[in-house]
All heavy atoms as atom14 arrays in JSON, in Angstrom:
{
  "sequence": "APGKEREGVASIDSLGSTTYADPVKGRFTISKDNAANT",
  "atom14_mask": [
    [1, 1, 1, 1, 1, 0, 0, 0, 0, 0, 0, 0, 0, 0],
    [1, 1, 1, 1, 1, 1, 1, 0, 0, 0, 0, 0, 0, 0],
    [1, 1, 1, 1, 0, 0, 0, 0, 0, 0, 0, 0, 0, 0],
    [1, 1, 1, 1, 1, 1, 1, 1, 1, 0, 0, 0, 0, 0],
    [1, 1, 1, 1, 1, 1, 1, 1, 1, 0, 0, 0, 0, 0],
    [1, 1, 1, 1, 1, 1, 1, 1, 1, 1, 1, 0, 0, 0],
    [1, 1, 1, 1, 1, 1, 1, 1, 1, 0, 0, 0, 0, 0],
    [1, 1, 1, 1, 0, 0, 0, 0, 0, 0, 0, 0, 0, 0],
    [1, 1, 1, 1, 1, 1, 1, 0, 0, 0, 0, 0, 0, 0],
    [1, 1, 1, 1, 1, 0, 0, 0, 0, 0, 0, 0, 0, 0],
    [1, 1, 1, 1, 1, 1, 0, 0, 0, 0, 0, 0, 0, 0],
    [1, 1, 1, 1, 1, 1, 1, 1, 0, 0, 0, 0, 0, 0],
    [1, 1, 1, 1, 1, 1, 1, 1, 0, 0, 0, 0, 0, 0],
    [1, 1, 1, 1, 1, 1, 0, 0, 0, 0, 0, 0, 0, 0],
    [1, 1, 1, 1, 1, 1, 1, 1, 0, 0, 0, 0, 0, 0],
    [1, 1, 1, 1, 0, 0, 0, 0, 0, 0, 0, 0, 0, 0],
    [1, 1, 1, 1, 1, 1, 0, 0, 0, 0, 0, 0, 0, 0],
    [1, 1, 1, 1, 1, 1, 1, 0, 0, 0, 0, 0, 0, 0],
    [1, 1, 1, 1, 1, 1, 1, 0, 0, 0, 0, 0, 0, 0],
    [1, 1, 1, 1, 1, 1, 1, 1, 1, 1, 1, 1, 0, 0],
    [1, 1, 1, 1, 1, 0, 0, 0, 0, 0, 0, 0, 0, 0],
    [1, 1, 1, 1, 1, 1, 1, 1, 0, 0, 0, 0, 0, 0],
    [1, 1, 1, 1, 1, 1, 1, 0, 0, 0, 0, 0, 0, 0],
    [1, 1, 1, 1, 1, 1, 1, 0, 0, 0, 0, 0, 0, 0],
    [1, 1, 1, 1, 1, 1, 1, 1, 1, 0, 0, 0, 0, 0],
    [1, 1, 1, 1, 0, 0, 0, 0, 0, 0, 0, 0, 0, 0],
    [1, 1, 1, 1, 1, 1, 1, 1, 1, 1, 1, 0, 0, 0],
    [1, 1, 1, 1, 1, 1, 1, 1, 1, 1, 1, 0, 0, 0],
    [1, 1, 1, 1, 1, 1, 1, 0, 0, 0, 0, 0, 0, 0],
    [1, 1, 1, 1, 1, 1, 1, 1, 0, 0, 0, 0, 0, 0],
    [1, 1, 1, 1, 1, 1, 0, 0, 0, 0, 0, 0, 0, 0],
    [1, 1, 1, 1, 1, 1, 1, 1, 1, 0, 0, 0, 0, 0],
    [1, 1, 1, 1, 1, 1, 1, 1, 0, 0, 0, 0, 0, 0],
    [1, 1, 1, 1, 1, 1, 1, 1, 0, 0, 0, 0, 0, 0],
    [1, 1, 1, 1, 1, 0, 0, 0, 0, 0, 0, 0, 0, 0],
    [1, 1, 1, 1, 1, 0, 0, 0, 0, 0, 0, 0, 0, 0],
    [1, 1, 1, 1, 1, 1, 1, 1, 0, 0, 0, 0, 0, 0],
    [1, 1, 1, 1, 1, 1, 1, 0, 0, 0, 0, 0, 0, 0]
  ],
  "atom14_positions": [
    [[59.29, 58.42, 91.73], [59.44, 59.59, 92.59], [59.44, 60.84, 91.72], [59.77, 60.77, 90.53], [60.73, 59.49, 93.4], [0.0, 0.0, 0.0], [0.0, 0.0, 0.0], [0.0, 0.0, 0.0], [0.0, 0.0, 0.0], [0.0, 0.0, 0.0], [0.0, 0.0, 0.0], [0.0, 0.0, 0.0], [0.0, 0.0, 0.0], [0.0, 0.0, 0.0]],
    [[59.09, 61.99, 92.28], [59.09, 63.23, 91.5], [60.44, 63.49, 90.85], [61.48, 63.4, 91.5], [58.76, 64.3, 92.54], [57.97, 63.58, 93.58], [58.6, 62.21, 93.66], [0.0, 0.0, 0.0], [0.0, 0.0, 0.0], [0.0, 0.0, 0.0], [0.0, 0.0, 0.0], [0.0, 0.0, 0.0], [0.0, 0.0, 0.0], [0.0, 0.0, 0.0]],
    [[60.42, 63.78, 89.56], [61.64, 64.06, 88.84], [62.44, 62.84, 88.44], [63.51, 62.98, 87.85], [0.0, 0.0, 0.0], [0.0, 0.0, 0.0], [0.0, 0.0, 0.0], [0.0, 0.0, 0.0], [0.0, 0.0, 0.0], [0.0, 0.0, 0.0], [0.0, 0.0, 0.0], [0.0, 0.0, 0.0], [0.0, 0.0, 0.0], [0.0, 0.0, 0.0]],
    [[61.94, 61.66, 88.76], [62.63, 60.42, 88.45], [61.84, 59.6, 87.44], [60.63, 59.78, 87.28], [62.86, 59.6, 89.71], [63.63, 60.31, 90.81], [65.08, 60.51, 90.42], [65.85, 61.15, 91.57], [65.91, 60.27, 92.77], [0.0, 0.0, 0.0], [0.0, 0.0, 0.0], [0.0, 0.0, 0.0], [0.0, 0.0, 0.0], [0.0, 0.0, 0.0]],
    [[62.53, 58.7, 86.76], [61.86, 57.8, 85.85], [61.14, 56.7, 86.62], [61.54, 56.34, 87.73], [62.87, 57.16, 84.89], [63.51, 58.13, 83.92], [64.39, 57.44, 82.91], [64.54, 56.21, 82.98], [64.93, 58.13, 82.04], [0.0, 0.0, 0.0], [0.0, 0.0, 0.0], [0.0, 0.0, 0.0], [0.0, 0.0, 0.0], [0.0, 0.0, 0.0]],
    [[60.08, 56.2, 86.02], [59.37, 55.1, 86.62], [60.24, 53.84, 86.54], [60.77, 53.51, 85.48], [58.05, 54.87, 85.89], [57.12, 53.9, 86.59], [55.74, 53.9, 85.94], [55.11, 55.2, 86.01], [53.87, 55.44, 85.63], [53.1, 54.46, 85.17], [53.37, 56.66, 85.71], [0.0, 0.0, 0.0], [0.0, 0.0, 0.0], [0.0, 0.0, 0.0]],
    [[60.4, 53.16, 87.66], [61.27, 52.01, 87.71], [60.53, 50.78, 88.2], [59.63, 50.87, 89.05], [62.48, 52.27, 88.61], [62.12, 52.55, 90.06], [63.33, 52.77, 90.93], [64.47, 52.69, 90.43], [63.15, 53.03, 92.15], [0.0, 0.0, 0.0], [0.0, 0.0, 0.0], [0.0, 0.0, 0.0], [0.0, 0.0, 0.0], [0.0, 0.0, 0.0]],
    [[60.92, 49.65, 87.67], [60.33, 48.39, 88.1], [60.8, 48.02, 89.48], [61.98, 48.17, 89.82], [0.0, 0.0, 0.0], [0.0, 0.0, 0.0], [0.0, 0.0, 0.0], [0.0, 0.0, 0.0], [0.0, 0.0, 0.0], [0.0, 0.0, 0.0], [0.0, 0.0, 0.0], [0.0, 0.0, 0.0], [0.0, 0.0, 0.0], [0.0, 0.0, 0.0]],
    [[59.89, 47.53, 90.28], [60.17, 47.11, 91.65], [60.17, 45.6, 91.77], [61.12, 45.0, 92.28], [59.16, 47.73, 92.63], [59.4, 47.21, 94.04], [59.24, 49.24, 92.59], [0.0, 0.0, 0.0], [0.0, 0.0, 0.0], [0.0, 0.0, 0.0], [0.0, 0.0, 0.0], [0.0, 0.0, 0.0], [0.0, 0.0, 0.0], [0.0, 0.0, 0.0]],
    [[59.11, 44.97, 91.31], [58.98, 43.53, 91.4], [57.96, 43.05, 90.4], [57.03, 43.78, 90.07], [58.57, 43.1, 92.81], [0.0, 0.0, 0.0], [0.0, 0.0, 0.0], [0.0, 0.0, 0.0], [0.0, 0.0, 0.0], [0.0, 0.0, 0.0], [0.0, 0.0, 0.0], [0.0, 0.0, 0.0], [0.0, 0.0, 0.0], [0.0, 0.0, 0.0]],
    [[58.12, 41.83, 89.92], [57.19, 41.26, 88.97], [56.91, 39.81, 89.33], [57.69, 39.17, 90.03], [57.73, 41.35, 87.53], [58.85, 40.5, 87.36], [0.0, 0.0, 0.0], [0.0, 0.0, 0.0], [0.0, 0.0, 0.0], [0.0, 0.0, 0.0], [0.0, 0.0, 0.0], [0.0, 0.0, 0.0], [0.0, 0.0, 0.0], [0.0, 0.0, 0.0]],
    [[55.81, 39.32, 88.81], [55.44, 37.92, 89.01], [54.67, 37.45, 87.79], [53.85, 38.19, 87.25], [54.62, 37.74, 90.31], [54.39, 36.26, 90.61], [53.3, 38.51, 90.24], [53.86, 36.02, 92.02], [0.0, 0.0, 0.0], [0.0, 0.0, 0.0], [0.0, 0.0, 0.0], [0.0, 0.0, 0.0], [0.0, 0.0, 0.0], [0.0, 0.0, 0.0]],
    [[54.95, 36.23, 87.33], [54.23, 35.71, 86.19], [53.18, 34.71, 86.64], [52.99, 34.46, 87.83], [55.19, 35.12, 85.14], [55.88, 33.84, 85.59], [55.5, 33.25, 86.62], [56.82, 33.42, 84.88], [0.0, 0.0, 0.0], [0.0, 0.0, 0.0], [0.0, 0.0, 0.0], [0.0, 0.0, 0.0], [0.0, 0.0, 0.0], [0.0, 0.0, 0.0]],
    [[52.48, 34.14, 85.67], [51.36, 33.26, 86.0], [51.8, 31.97, 86.68], [50.98, 31.3, 87.31], [50.56, 32.94, 84.75], [51.31, 32.16, 83.84], [0.0, 0.0, 0.0], [0.0, 0.0, 0.0], [0.0, 0.0, 0.0], [0.0, 0.0, 0.0], [0.0, 0.0, 0.0], [0.0, 0.0, 0.0], [0.0, 0.0, 0.0], [0.0, 0.0, 0.0]],
    [[53.08, 31.61, 86.55], [53.61, 30.42, 87.2], [54.18, 30.71, 88.58], [54.64, 29.8, 89.26], [54.67, 29.78, 86.32], [54.21, 29.35, 84.93], [55.37, 28.75, 84.15], [53.06, 28.36, 85.02], [0.0, 0.0, 0.0], [0.0, 0.0, 0.0], [0.0, 0.0, 0.0], [0.0, 0.0, 0.0], [0.0, 0.0, 0.0], [0.0, 0.0, 0.0]],
    [[54.18, 31.98, 88.97], [54.69, 32.36, 90.27], [56.15, 32.75, 90.29], [56.7, 32.98, 91.38], [0.0, 0.0, 0.0], [0.0, 0.0, 0.0], [0.0, 0.0, 0.0], [0.0, 0.0, 0.0], [0.0, 0.0, 0.0], [0.0, 0.0, 0.0], [0.0, 0.0, 0.0], [0.0, 0.0, 0.0], [0.0, 0.0, 0.0], [0.0, 0.0, 0.0]],
    [[56.78, 32.82, 89.13], [58.18, 33.24, 89.07], [58.28, 34.73, 89.33], [57.56, 35.52, 88.73], [58.76, 32.9, 87.7], [60.11, 33.3, 87.61], [0.0, 0.0, 0.0], [0.0, 0.0, 0.0], [0.0, 0.0, 0.0], [0.0, 0.0, 0.0], [0.0, 0.0, 0.0], [0.0, 0.0, 0.0], [0.0, 0.0, 0.0], [0.0, 0.0, 0.0]],
    [[59.19, 35.11, 90.22], [59.3, 36.51, 90.63], [60.65, 37.1, 90.26], [61.65, 36.39, 90.14], [59.1, 36.65, 92.15], [60.09, 35.86, 92.83], [57.72, 36.19, 92.55], [0.0, 0.0, 0.0], [0.0, 0.0, 0.0], [0.0, 0.0, 0.0], [0.0, 0.0, 0.0], [0.0, 0.0, 0.0], [0.0, 0.0, 0.0], [0.0, 0.0, 0.0]],
    [[60.65, 38.4, 90.08], [61.85, 39.16, 89.82], [61.81, 40.42, 90.67], [60.77, 41.08, 90.75], [61.96, 39.55, 88.34], [61.94, 38.37, 87.53], [63.27, 40.3, 88.07], [0.0, 0.0, 0.0], [0.0, 0.0, 0.0], [0.0, 0.0, 0.0], [0.0, 0.0, 0.0], [0.0, 0.0, 0.0], [0.0, 0.0, 0.0], [0.0, 0.0, 0.0]],
    [[62.93, 40.76, 91.3], [63.0, 41.94, 92.16], [64.12, 42.85, 91.73], [65.2, 42.39, 91.33], [63.23, 41.54, 93.62], [62.09, 40.79, 94.23], [62.06, 39.4, 94.22], [61.03, 41.47, 94.83], [61.01, 38.7, 94.79], [59.98, 40.78, 95.4], [59.97, 39.39, 95.37], [58.92, 38.71, 95.94], [0.0, 0.0, 0.0], [0.0, 0.0, 0.0]],
    [[63.87, 44.12, 91.84], [64.93, 45.09, 91.65], [65.89, 45.02, 92.83], [65.48, 44.77, 93.97], [64.35, 46.5, 91.52], [0.0, 0.0, 0.0], [0.0, 0.0, 0.0], [0.0, 0.0, 0.0], [0.0, 0.0, 0.0], [0.0, 0.0, 0.0], [0.0, 0.0, 0.0], [0.0, 0.0, 0.0], [0.0, 0.0, 0.0], [0.0, 0.0, 0.0]],
    [[67.16, 45.25, 92.57], [68.17, 45.12, 93.61], [67.87, 45.93, 94.88], [68.08, 45.42, 95.99], [69.54, 45.5, 93.07], [70.13, 44.45, 92.15], [69.66, 43.29, 92.19], [71.05, 44.77, 91.39], [0.0, 0.0, 0.0], [0.0, 0.0, 0.0], [0.0, 0.0, 0.0], [0.0, 0.0, 0.0], [0.0, 0.0, 0.0], [0.0, 0.0, 0.0]],
    [[67.39, 47.17, 94.78], [67.19, 47.96, 96.0], [66.14, 47.4, 96.95], [66.13, 47.79, 98.12], [66.75, 49.33, 95.47], [67.29, 49.39, 94.08], [67.18, 47.99, 93.57], [0.0, 0.0, 0.0], [0.0, 0.0, 0.0], [0.0, 0.0, 0.0], [0.0, 0.0, 0.0], [0.0, 0.0, 0.0], [0.0, 0.0, 0.0], [0.0, 0.0, 0.0]],
    [[65.28, 46.51, 96.48], [64.21, 46.01, 97.34], [64.36, 44.55, 97.7], [63.56, 44.02, 98.47], [62.82, 46.24, 96.71], [62.66, 47.7, 96.29], [62.6, 45.32, 95.51], [0.0, 0.0, 0.0], [0.0, 0.0, 0.0], [0.0, 0.0, 0.0], [0.0, 0.0, 0.0], [0.0, 0.0, 0.0], [0.0, 0.0, 0.0], [0.0, 0.0, 0.0]],
    [[65.37, 43.89, 97.18], [65.57, 42.47, 97.47], [65.76, 42.26, 98.97], [66.52, 42.97, 99.62], [66.78, 41.93, 96.71], [66.54, 41.77, 95.23], [67.77, 41.22, 94.53], [67.52, 41.02, 93.04], [68.74, 40.55, 92.34], [0.0, 0.0, 0.0], [0.0, 0.0, 0.0], [0.0, 0.0, 0.0], [0.0, 0.0, 0.0], [0.0, 0.0, 0.0]],
    [[65.06, 41.28, 99.48], [65.13, 40.98, 100.9], [64.2, 41.8, 101.76], [64.03, 41.51, 102.94], [0.0, 0.0, 0.0], [0.0, 0.0, 0.0], [0.0, 0.0, 0.0], [0.0, 0.0, 0.0], [0.0, 0.0, 0.0], [0.0, 0.0, 0.0], [0.0, 0.0, 0.0], [0.0, 0.0, 0.0], [0.0, 0.0, 0.0], [0.0, 0.0, 0.0]],
    [[63.59, 42.82, 101.18], [62.68, 43.69, 101.94], [61.24, 43.63, 101.42], [60.31, 43.73, 102.21], [63.16, 45.14, 101.88], [64.54, 45.35, 102.48], [64.87, 46.83, 102.61], [64.92, 47.5, 101.31], [64.16, 48.53, 100.98], [63.29, 49.03, 101.85], [64.28, 49.09, 99.78], [0.0, 0.0, 0.0], [0.0, 0.0, 0.0], [0.0, 0.0, 0.0]],
    [[61.09, 43.49, 100.11], [59.76, 43.47, 99.5], [59.44, 42.06, 99.01], [60.33, 41.32, 98.57], [59.7, 44.42, 98.3], [59.78, 45.88, 98.62], [60.08, 46.33, 99.9], [59.55, 46.82, 97.63], [60.15, 47.68, 100.19], [59.62, 48.17, 97.91], [59.92, 48.6, 99.18], [0.0, 0.0, 0.0], [0.0, 0.0, 0.0], [0.0, 0.0, 0.0]],
    [[58.16, 41.73, 99.05], [57.7, 40.45, 98.54], [56.46, 40.67, 97.69], [55.48, 41.25, 98.16], [57.38, 39.47, 99.67], [58.54, 39.27, 100.49], [56.95, 38.13, 99.1], [0.0, 0.0, 0.0], [0.0, 0.0, 0.0], [0.0, 0.0, 0.0], [0.0, 0.0, 0.0], [0.0, 0.0, 0.0], [0.0, 0.0, 0.0], [0.0, 0.0, 0.0]],
    [[56.5, 40.19, 96.45], [55.35, 40.29, 95.57], [54.61, 38.96, 95.58], [55.23, 37.89, 95.63], [55.78, 40.68, 94.14], [54.56, 40.99, 93.27], [56.64, 39.6, 93.5], [54.91, 41.6, 91.91], [0.0, 0.0, 0.0], [0.0, 0.0, 0.0], [0.0, 0.0, 0.0], [0.0, 0.0, 0.0], [0.0, 0.0, 0.0], [0.0, 0.0, 0.0]],
    [[53.31, 39.02, 95.55], [52.5, 37.82, 95.53], [51.19, 38.11, 94.84], [50.83, 39.27, 94.64], [52.26, 37.29, 96.95], [51.54, 38.22, 97.73], [0.0, 0.0, 0.0], [0.0, 0.0, 0.0], [0.0, 0.0, 0.0], [0.0, 0.0, 0.0], [0.0, 0.0, 0.0], [0.0, 0.0, 0.0], [0.0, 0.0, 0.0], [0.0, 0.0, 0.0]],
    [[50.48, 37.07, 94.48], [49.18, 37.25, 93.87], [48.22, 36.18, 94.35], [48.61, 35.07, 94.7], [49.26, 37.25, 92.35], [49.77, 35.96, 91.74], [49.8, 36.05, 90.22], [50.28, 34.77, 89.6], [50.28, 34.85, 88.11], [0.0, 0.0, 0.0], [0.0, 0.0, 0.0], [0.0, 0.0, 0.0], [0.0, 0.0, 0.0], [0.0, 0.0, 0.0]],
    [[46.97, 36.55, 94.37], [45.88, 35.65, 94.71], [45.08, 35.47, 93.42], [44.33, 36.36, 93.02], [45.02, 36.25, 95.81], [43.9, 35.33, 96.26], [43.48, 34.46, 95.48], [43.43, 35.51, 97.4], [0.0, 0.0, 0.0], [0.0, 0.0, 0.0], [0.0, 0.0, 0.0], [0.0, 0.0, 0.0], [0.0, 0.0, 0.0], [0.0, 0.0, 0.0]],
    [[45.27, 34.34, 92.78], [44.62, 34.12, 91.49], [43.09, 34.07, 91.61], [42.39, 34.53, 90.71], [45.13, 32.84, 90.86], [46.56, 32.96, 90.39], [46.98, 34.02, 89.89], [47.34, 31.9, 90.53], [0.0, 0.0, 0.0], [0.0, 0.0, 0.0], [0.0, 0.0, 0.0], [0.0, 0.0, 0.0], [0.0, 0.0, 0.0], [0.0, 0.0, 0.0]],
    [[42.6, 33.49, 92.69], [41.17, 33.39, 92.86], [40.52, 34.77, 92.97], [39.45, 35.01, 92.42], [40.84, 32.55, 94.09], [0.0, 0.0, 0.0], [0.0, 0.0, 0.0], [0.0, 0.0, 0.0], [0.0, 0.0, 0.0], [0.0, 0.0, 0.0], [0.0, 0.0, 0.0], [0.0, 0.0, 0.0], [0.0, 0.0, 0.0], [0.0, 0.0, 0.0]],
    [[41.19, 35.67, 93.68], [40.67, 37.02, 93.86], [41.14, 37.97, 92.78], [40.7, 39.12, 92.73], [41.06, 37.55, 95.23], [0.0, 0.0, 0.0], [0.0, 0.0, 0.0], [0.0, 0.0, 0.0], [0.0, 0.0, 0.0], [0.0, 0.0, 0.0], [0.0, 0.0, 0.0], [0.0, 0.0, 0.0], [0.0, 0.0, 0.0], [0.0, 0.0, 0.0]],
    [[42.06, 37.51, 91.93], [42.66, 38.33, 90.89], [43.25, 39.6, 91.49], [42.98, 40.72, 91.05], [41.64, 38.67, 89.8], [42.29, 38.94, 88.46], [43.48, 38.68, 88.26], [41.52, 39.47, 87.52], [0.0, 0.0, 0.0], [0.0, 0.0, 0.0], [0.0, 0.0, 0.0], [0.0, 0.0, 0.0], [0.0, 0.0, 0.0], [0.0, 0.0, 0.0]],
    [[44.06, 39.39, 92.51], [44.64, 40.49, 93.27], [46.16, 40.32, 93.36], [46.66, 39.22, 93.61], [44.04, 40.56, 94.68], [42.63, 40.74, 94.58], [44.64, 41.71, 95.46], [0.0, 0.0, 0.0], [0.0, 0.0, 0.0], [0.0, 0.0, 0.0], [0.0, 0.0, 0.0], [0.0, 0.0, 0.0], [0.0, 0.0, 0.0], [0.0, 0.0, 0.0]]
  ]
}
């Protein structure tokens, strides 16, 4: 956000392990499509 530091929201590794920042837990979901590289 303007005037704020860039903060991590969610991550995912090649095995599908995910990590979420506390403010978005239960609301955001990270996923990837390996075939589409998306």
